[in-house]
Amino acid sequence: AAVWGAAGGGATIQSCMITTTGSPVLVTTTANVFPNPNNGTNLESAINILRDSTQLMNQDIYCPGTTGHPIYLPMTTSYVDSGLAAGTYTYYTKLAGITGTIKAQYRSMWVMEVKR
């Protein structure tokens, strides 16, 4: 099912929990995103990665407006979270419309602890 991110807020499109030994954690998220409504207006939005309630990364997305032809944007974002203590953490990917709403489909997220 699709998830909508509204202007001024953020919708969680994926989450994943991991228990670590304190090594860095690689977080990767993918989705197809597209603006709505398809009415010719430009749209700004953002993809955010959070650890629990701490924002780790903010990736802005700009979609030029079209009329009659939706723009689908495949998106992949990764972040290495280092300096963690051993413990259990939940990572979230959030989608927020800045100047309108945006939709995410076919999304996935994975987290893994990386060691040398």
Protein backbone atom coordinates (compact mmCIF):
# COMPACT_ATOMS: atom_id res chain seq x y z
CA ALA A 1 0.00 0.00 0.00
CA ALA A 2 1.09 3.55 -0.62
CA VAL A 3 2.01 5.95 2.17
CA TRP A 4 1.36 9.69 1.90
CA GLY A 5 3.60 12.38 3.40
CA ALA A 6 1.67 15.59 3.99
CA ALA A 7 2.97 19.14 4.06
CA GLY A 8 4.24 20.15 7.48
CA GLY A 9 4.48 16.61 8.81
CA GLY A 10 6.21 13.32 8.29
CA ALA A 11 4.77 9.89 7.62
CA THR A 12 6.78 6.84 8.63
CA ILE A 13 7.22 4.74 5.49
CA GLN A 14 9.50 2.08 7.01
CA SER A 15 10.99 1.12 10.37
CA CYS A 16 13.43 -1.52 11.52
CA MET A 17 14.85 -2.52 14.92
CA ILE A 18 18.39 -3.79 15.51
CA THR A 19 20.40 -4.89 18.55
CA THR A 20 24.07 -3.95 18.18
CA THR A 21 27.37 -4.59 19.91
CA GLY A 22 28.31 -0.93 19.45
CA SER A 23 29.76 -1.08 15.93
CA PRO A 24 28.52 1.31 13.20
CA VAL A 25 25.12 0.59 11.63
CA LEU A 26 24.47 0.92 7.90
CA VAL A 27 20.91 2.06 7.16
CA THR A 28 19.63 1.84 3.56
CA THR A 29 16.15 2.72 2.39
CA THR A 30 14.52 2.60 -1.04
CA ALA A 31 11.16 3.72 -2.42
CA ASN A 32 9.41 5.00 -5.50
CA VAL A 33 8.11 8.47 -4.69
CA PHE A 34 5.90 10.78 -6.69
CA PRO A 35 4.02 14.04 -6.11
CA ASN A 36 0.28 14.35 -5.86
CA PRO A 37 -1.89 15.91 -7.03
CA ASN A 38 -0.53 15.92 -10.55
CA ASN A 39 -1.67 19.47 -11.26
CA GLY A 40 1.35 21.23 -12.74
CA THR A 41 2.70 22.67 -9.48
CA ASN A 42 6.23 22.15 -8.23
CA LEU A 43 6.66 20.05 -5.12
CA GLU A 44 9.36 19.98 -2.49
CA SER A 45 9.60 17.12 -0.04
CA ALA A 46 12.12 15.38 2.18
CA ILE A 47 13.20 11.88 3.11
CA ASN A 48 14.44 11.62 6.69
CA ILE A 49 16.29 8.82 8.48
CA LEU A 50 15.95 8.74 12.26
CA ARG A 51 17.38 6.61 15.06
CA ASP A 52 14.65 6.46 17.67
CA SER A 53 13.68 10.18 17.82
CA THR A 54 17.05 11.59 16.63
CA GLN A 55 17.15 12.80 13.02
CA LEU A 56 20.30 11.49 11.33
CA MET A 57 19.78 12.56 7.73
CA ASN A 58 17.52 14.81 5.68
CA GLN A 59 17.43 14.41 1.88
CA ASP A 60 15.45 17.06 0.01
CA ILE A 61 13.55 16.05 -3.12
CA TYR A 62 12.36 18.52 -5.75
CA CYS A 63 9.73 17.48 -8.29
CA PRO A 64 8.98 19.83 -11.18
CA GLY A 65 5.25 20.09 -11.81
CA THR A 66 3.64 18.30 -14.72
CA THR A 67 0.09 18.05 -15.95
CA GLY A 68 -1.24 14.70 -17.10
CA HIS A 69 2.03 12.80 -16.62
CA PRO A 70 3.04 11.72 -13.12
CA ILE A 71 6.73 11.76 -12.26
CA TYR A 72 7.96 8.64 -10.48
CA LEU A 73 11.27 9.07 -8.69
CA PRO A 74 13.14 5.93 -7.65
CA MET A 75 15.06 6.83 -4.49
CA THR A 76 17.80 5.09 -2.54
CA THR A 77 19.43 6.63 0.52
CA SER A 78 22.09 5.23 2.85
CA TYR A 79 23.55 6.46 6.12
CA VAL A 80 26.28 5.04 8.40
CA ASP A 81 25.43 5.64 12.07
CA SER A 82 28.61 5.45 14.14
CA GLY A 83 29.55 6.14 17.74
CA LEU A 84 26.75 4.00 19.13
CA ALA A 85 26.81 2.21 22.46
CA ALA A 86 25.79 -1.44 22.48
CA GLY A 87 22.01 -1.64 22.63
CA THR A 88 18.74 -1.89 20.75
CA TYR A 89 17.75 0.88 18.36
CA THR A 90 14.84 1.51 16.00
CA TYR A 91 15.49 3.26 12.70
CA TYR A 92 12.77 5.06 10.77
CA THR A 93 12.41 6.42 7.25
CA LYS A 94 9.98 9.32 7.10
CA LEU A 95 8.57 11.11 4.08
CA ALA A 96 7.39 14.70 4.42
CA GLY A 97 5.86 17.03 1.87
CA ILE A 98 7.21 20.57 2.25
CA THR A 99 5.00 22.33 -0.31
CA GLY A 100 2.39 19.62 -0.89
CA THR A 101 1.83 15.90 -0.52
CA ILE A 102 4.02 13.11 -1.84
CA LYS A 103 3.40 9.38 -2.12
CA ALA A 104 5.79 6.46 -1.52
CA GLN A 105 5.33 2.95 -2.91
CA TYR A 106 7.45 -0.19 -3.24
CA ARG A 107 9.54 0.75 -0.25
CA SER A 108 12.13 -1.24 1.65
CA MET A 109 14.62 -0.64 4.43
CA TRP A 110 17.44 -2.64 5.85
CA VAL A 111 19.89 -2.07 8.68
CA MET A 112 23.02 -4.00 9.46
CA GLU A 113 25.87 -3.65 11.91
CA VAL A 114 29.19 -3.38 10.12
CA LYS A 115 32.45 -4.52 11.66
CA ARG A 116 36.05 -4.45 10.52
